[in-house]
Amino acid sequence: MLGTKKTPNRYAKRVTRVEPPSLDEAIAAAQGLTGDIECQIEIASQLMGMPEDEVRPVVLKSAAQPRRPERAPFADRILDRREGAKVIVVERRRPRLAVR
């Protein structure tokens, strides 16, 4: 009798919702994992739970598009054509400790 403890009902009614990724998300994840097209098709189809024949055209289409390298949004402002790239140094100042 002393060892049994009931949990409140509000904890018992929690439900976790599981959603599969969208096709674009699955393809982006597969491209991040490997560069091989066939492996990307297999990974994306397993993530989506779809047959490989349905995923293949979309993966091939996204692989054919040229990728632009991602740049920092402020990189254009830092770059000056005459001087080249400017160097920015960020230092953290430590608080002074009182010695007794």
N, C-alpha and C. Protein backbone atom coordinates (compact mmCIF):
# COMPACT_ATOMS: atom_id res chain seq x y z
N MET A 1 0.81 -1.18 0.00
CA MET A 1 0.00 0.00 0.00
C MET A 1 0.85 1.25 0.00
N LEU A 2 1.94 1.25 0.72
CA LEU A 2 2.77 2.44 0.79
C LEU A 2 3.58 2.65 -0.48
N GLY A 3 3.87 1.61 -1.21
CA GLY A 3 4.71 1.71 -2.40
C GLY A 3 3.97 2.17 -3.65
N THR A 4 2.66 2.13 -3.65
CA THR A 4 1.92 2.53 -4.84
C THR A 4 1.60 4.01 -4.77
N LYS A 5 1.90 4.69 -5.87
CA LYS A 5 1.61 6.12 -5.92
C LYS A 5 0.99 6.40 -7.29
N LYS A 6 -0.13 7.04 -7.30
CA LYS A 6 -0.81 7.36 -8.55
C LYS A 6 -0.25 8.64 -9.14
N THR A 7 -0.07 8.64 -10.44
CA THR A 7 0.35 9.86 -11.11
C THR A 7 -0.88 10.68 -11.45
N PRO A 8 -0.78 11.97 -11.44
CA PRO A 8 -1.94 12.78 -11.81
C PRO A 8 -2.35 12.51 -13.26
N ASN A 9 -3.61 12.70 -13.55
CA ASN A 9 -4.14 12.42 -14.89
C ASN A 9 -3.54 13.31 -15.96
N ARG A 10 -3.12 14.50 -15.59
CA ARG A 10 -2.59 15.40 -16.62
C ARG A 10 -1.31 14.83 -17.24
N TYR A 11 -0.56 14.04 -16.51
CA TYR A 11 0.65 13.42 -17.06
C TYR A 11 0.31 12.20 -17.93
N ALA A 12 -0.77 11.53 -17.63
CA ALA A 12 -1.14 10.32 -18.35
C ALA A 12 -1.73 10.64 -19.73
N LYS A 13 -2.23 11.85 -19.94
CA LYS A 13 -2.90 12.19 -21.19
C LYS A 13 -1.97 12.79 -22.24
N ARG A 14 -0.70 12.85 -21.99
CA ARG A 14 0.22 13.43 -22.97
C ARG A 14 0.43 12.49 -24.14
N VAL A 15 0.40 13.07 -25.32
CA VAL A 15 0.56 12.30 -26.55
C VAL A 15 1.67 12.96 -27.36
N THR A 16 2.60 12.17 -27.84
CA THR A 16 3.68 12.67 -28.67
C THR A 16 3.29 12.48 -30.13
N ARG A 17 3.35 13.58 -30.88
CA ARG A 17 2.99 13.51 -32.29
C ARG A 17 4.27 13.30 -33.11
N VAL A 18 4.25 12.34 -33.99
CA VAL A 18 5.41 12.03 -34.83
C VAL A 18 5.02 12.33 -36.27
N GLU A 19 5.78 13.24 -36.89
CA GLU A 19 5.52 13.58 -38.29
C GLU A 19 6.75 13.23 -39.12
N PRO A 20 6.55 12.55 -40.23
CA PRO A 20 7.70 12.28 -41.09
C PRO A 20 8.16 13.59 -41.74
N PRO A 21 9.42 13.68 -42.13
CA PRO A 21 9.91 14.92 -42.75
C PRO A 21 9.27 15.11 -44.13
N SER A 22 9.27 16.35 -44.59
CA SER A 22 8.80 16.59 -45.95
C SER A 22 9.85 16.04 -46.91
N LEU A 23 9.49 15.93 -48.16
CA LEU A 23 10.40 15.36 -49.15
C LEU A 23 11.65 16.24 -49.30
N ASP A 24 11.48 17.55 -49.29
CA ASP A 24 12.63 18.45 -49.41
C ASP A 24 13.56 18.32 -48.21
N GLU A 25 13.00 18.18 -47.01
CA GLU A 25 13.81 18.00 -45.82
C GLU A 25 14.57 16.68 -45.85
N ALA A 26 13.94 15.63 -46.32
CA ALA A 26 14.59 14.33 -46.40
C ALA A 26 15.73 14.36 -47.42
N ILE A 27 15.51 15.05 -48.53
CA ILE A 27 16.56 15.14 -49.56
C ILE A 27 17.72 15.97 -49.06
N ALA A 28 17.43 17.07 -48.37
CA ALA A 28 18.51 17.91 -47.81
C ALA A 28 19.32 17.12 -46.78
N ALA A 29 18.66 16.32 -45.97
CA ALA A 29 19.37 15.50 -44.99
C ALA A 29 20.23 14.46 -45.69
N ALA A 30 19.71 13.83 -46.74
CA ALA A 30 20.47 12.82 -47.47
C ALA A 30 21.68 13.46 -48.17
N GLN A 31 21.51 14.66 -48.72
CA GLN A 31 22.63 15.33 -49.37
C GLN A 31 23.69 15.74 -48.37
N GLY A 32 23.27 16.04 -47.15
CA GLY A 32 24.24 16.38 -46.12
C GLY A 32 25.03 15.18 -45.64
N LEU A 33 24.45 13.99 -45.77
CA LEU A 33 25.12 12.78 -45.29
C LEU A 33 26.10 12.20 -46.31
N THR A 34 25.75 12.28 -47.59
CA THR A 34 26.60 11.65 -48.60
C THR A 34 26.52 12.41 -49.91
N GLY A 35 27.53 12.24 -50.74
CA GLY A 35 27.55 12.87 -52.04
C GLY A 35 27.10 11.94 -53.16
N ASP A 36 26.94 10.67 -52.87
CA ASP A 36 26.54 9.67 -53.85
C ASP A 36 25.04 9.77 -54.09
N ILE A 37 24.63 9.91 -55.34
CA ILE A 37 23.22 10.11 -55.69
C ILE A 37 22.36 8.90 -55.30
N GLU A 38 22.87 7.71 -55.58
CA GLU A 38 22.08 6.50 -55.26
C GLU A 38 21.86 6.35 -53.75
N CYS A 39 22.88 6.67 -53.00
CA CYS A 39 22.73 6.62 -51.54
C CYS A 39 21.75 7.68 -51.05
N GLN A 40 21.77 8.86 -51.68
CA GLN A 40 20.82 9.91 -51.32
C GLN A 40 19.39 9.47 -51.58
N ILE A 41 19.18 8.80 -52.69
CA ILE A 41 17.84 8.31 -53.03
C ILE A 41 17.38 7.29 -51.98
N GLU A 42 18.26 6.39 -51.62
CA GLU A 42 17.92 5.36 -50.64
C GLU A 42 17.63 5.97 -49.27
N ILE A 43 18.46 6.92 -48.83
CA ILE A 43 18.26 7.54 -47.52
C ILE A 43 16.97 8.33 -47.48
N ALA A 44 16.73 9.13 -48.52
CA ALA A 44 15.51 9.95 -48.56
C ALA A 44 14.26 9.09 -48.60
N SER A 45 14.30 7.99 -49.35
CA SER A 45 13.12 7.12 -49.42
C SER A 45 12.86 6.43 -48.09
N GLN A 46 13.92 6.06 -47.38
CA GLN A 46 13.72 5.44 -46.07
C GLN A 46 13.21 6.44 -45.05
N LEU A 47 13.68 7.68 -45.11
CA LEU A 47 13.19 8.69 -44.18
C LEU A 47 11.71 9.00 -44.42
N MET A 48 11.32 9.00 -45.68
CA MET A 48 9.93 9.32 -46.02
C MET A 48 9.01 8.12 -45.93
N GLY A 49 9.56 6.93 -46.05
CA GLY A 49 8.72 5.74 -46.09
C GLY A 49 8.06 5.58 -47.45
N MET A 50 8.73 6.08 -48.48
CA MET A 50 8.20 6.02 -49.84
C MET A 50 9.08 5.11 -50.67
N PRO A 51 8.56 4.58 -51.78
CA PRO A 51 9.41 3.77 -52.66
C PRO A 51 10.46 4.64 -53.35
N GLU A 52 11.58 4.03 -53.67
CA GLU A 52 12.69 4.75 -54.29
C GLU A 52 12.32 5.31 -55.65
N ASP A 53 11.40 4.66 -56.36
CA ASP A 53 11.02 5.13 -57.69
C ASP A 53 10.33 6.49 -57.64
N GLU A 54 9.64 6.80 -56.53
CA GLU A 54 8.97 8.10 -56.40
C GLU A 54 9.93 9.19 -55.96
N VAL A 55 10.97 8.82 -55.26
CA VAL A 55 11.92 9.80 -54.73
C VAL A 55 13.00 10.13 -55.75
N ARG A 56 13.34 9.16 -56.62
CA ARG A 56 14.45 9.31 -57.56
C ARG A 56 14.36 10.56 -58.43
N PRO A 57 13.22 10.89 -59.09
CA PRO A 57 13.21 12.07 -59.95
C PRO A 57 13.44 13.38 -59.19
N VAL A 58 12.95 13.45 -57.98
CA VAL A 58 13.10 14.68 -57.21
C VAL A 58 14.55 14.85 -56.76
N VAL A 59 15.20 13.76 -56.36
CA VAL A 59 16.61 13.83 -55.95
C VAL A 59 17.48 14.19 -57.15
N LEU A 60 17.23 13.58 -58.29
CA LEU A 60 18.02 13.89 -59.49
C LEU A 60 17.82 15.34 -59.92
N LYS A 61 16.61 15.85 -59.77
CA LYS A 61 16.32 17.23 -60.13
C LYS A 61 17.06 18.20 -59.19
N SER A 62 17.07 17.88 -57.90
CA SER A 62 17.75 18.77 -56.94
C SER A 62 19.26 18.66 -57.07
N ALA A 63 19.77 17.50 -57.49
CA ALA A 63 21.22 17.34 -57.66
C ALA A 63 21.70 18.07 -58.90
N ALA A 64 20.83 18.27 -59.89
CA ALA A 64 21.22 18.94 -61.13
C ALA A 64 21.33 20.44 -60.94
N GLN A 65 20.65 20.99 -59.94
CA GLN A 65 20.70 22.43 -59.70
C GLN A 65 22.05 22.79 -59.08
N PRO A 66 22.69 23.83 -59.60
CA PRO A 66 23.99 24.22 -59.03
C PRO A 66 23.80 24.81 -57.63
N ARG A 67 24.70 24.46 -56.74
CA ARG A 67 24.63 24.95 -55.37
C ARG A 67 25.49 26.20 -55.24
N ARG A 68 24.95 27.19 -54.56
CA ARG A 68 25.73 28.37 -54.23
C ARG A 68 26.29 28.17 -52.84
N PRO A 69 27.54 28.49 -52.65
CA PRO A 69 28.10 28.37 -51.30
C PRO A 69 27.44 29.38 -50.38
N GLU A 70 27.16 28.94 -49.17
CA GLU A 70 26.53 29.83 -48.21
C GLU A 70 27.57 30.78 -47.66
N ARG A 71 27.20 32.04 -47.58
CA ARG A 71 28.09 33.07 -47.05
C ARG A 71 27.41 33.75 -45.89
N ALA A 72 28.23 34.31 -45.06
CA ALA A 72 27.69 35.06 -43.93
C ALA A 72 26.96 36.29 -44.47
N PRO A 73 25.84 36.68 -43.86
CA PRO A 73 25.08 37.81 -44.39
C PRO A 73 25.84 39.13 -44.31
N PHE A 74 26.77 39.25 -43.41
CA PHE A 74 27.51 40.50 -43.28
C PHE A 74 28.82 40.49 -44.06
N ALA A 75 29.13 39.41 -44.76
CA ALA A 75 30.41 39.31 -45.46
C ALA A 75 30.53 40.35 -46.56
N ASP A 76 29.43 40.70 -47.21
CA ASP A 76 29.50 41.69 -48.28
C ASP A 76 29.84 43.07 -47.74
N ARG A 77 29.40 43.38 -46.55
CA ARG A 77 29.68 44.68 -45.97
C ARG A 77 31.13 44.77 -45.50
N ILE A 78 31.70 43.66 -45.09
CA ILE A 78 33.08 43.66 -44.59
C ILE A 78 34.07 43.74 -45.74
N LEU A 79 33.74 43.13 -46.86
CA LEU A 79 34.66 43.07 -47.98
C LEU A 79 34.71 44.40 -48.70
N ASP A 80 35.89 44.99 -48.78
CA ASP A 80 36.11 46.22 -49.51
C ASP A 80 36.97 45.87 -50.71
N ARG A 81 36.56 46.23 -51.89
CA ARG A 81 37.25 45.82 -53.11
C ARG A 81 38.69 46.34 -53.18
N ARG A 82 38.94 47.52 -52.67
CA ARG A 82 40.29 48.10 -52.76
C ARG A 82 41.23 47.50 -51.73
N GLU A 83 40.72 47.21 -50.55
CA GLU A 83 41.60 46.78 -49.47
C GLU A 83 41.58 45.27 -49.24
N GLY A 84 40.68 44.57 -49.81
CA GLY A 84 40.55 43.14 -49.56
C GLY A 84 39.68 42.91 -48.33
N ALA A 85 39.71 41.73 -47.78
CA ALA A 85 38.88 41.41 -46.62
C ALA A 85 39.46 42.05 -45.37
N LYS A 86 38.62 42.65 -44.57
CA LYS A 86 39.06 43.24 -43.31
C LYS A 86 39.01 42.19 -42.22
N VAL A 87 39.91 42.31 -41.29
CA VAL A 87 39.97 41.36 -40.19
C VAL A 87 39.25 41.97 -39.00
N ILE A 88 38.35 41.20 -38.42
CA ILE A 88 37.61 41.64 -37.25
C ILE A 88 37.99 40.72 -36.10
N VAL A 89 38.42 41.31 -34.99
CA VAL A 89 38.81 40.54 -33.81
C VAL A 89 37.83 40.86 -32.69
N VAL A 90 37.26 39.83 -32.11
CA VAL A 90 36.34 40.00 -30.99
C VAL A 90 36.99 39.40 -29.76
N GLU A 91 37.16 40.22 -28.74
CA GLU A 91 37.77 39.75 -27.52
C GLU A 91 36.77 39.82 -26.39
N ARG A 92 36.88 38.90 -25.49
CA ARG A 92 36.01 38.87 -24.32
C ARG A 92 36.79 39.44 -23.15
N ARG A 93 36.22 40.43 -22.50
CA ARG A 93 36.87 41.02 -21.34
C ARG A 93 36.40 40.29 -20.10
N ARG A 94 37.34 39.85 -19.31
CA ARG A 94 37.01 39.13 -18.08
C ARG A 94 36.81 40.15 -16.95
N PRO A 95 35.90 39.88 -16.06
CA PRO A 95 35.71 40.79 -14.93
C PRO A 95 36.92 40.76 -13.99
N ARG A 96 37.17 41.87 -13.38
CA ARG A 96 38.28 41.94 -12.43
C ARG A 96 37.91 41.24 -11.13
N LEU A 97 38.83 40.52 -10.59
CA LEU A 97 38.61 39.84 -9.33
C LEU A 97 39.26 40.65 -8.21
N ALA A 98 38.51 40.87 -7.16
CA ALA A 98 39.05 41.62 -6.03
C ALA A 98 39.92 40.68 -5.19
N VAL A 99 41.13 41.11 -4.90
CA VAL A 99 42.04 40.32 -4.11
C VAL A 99 42.01 40.85 -2.68
N ARG A 100 41.83 39.99 -1.72
CA ARG A 100 41.79 40.41 -0.32
C ARG A 100 43.03 40.05 0.41
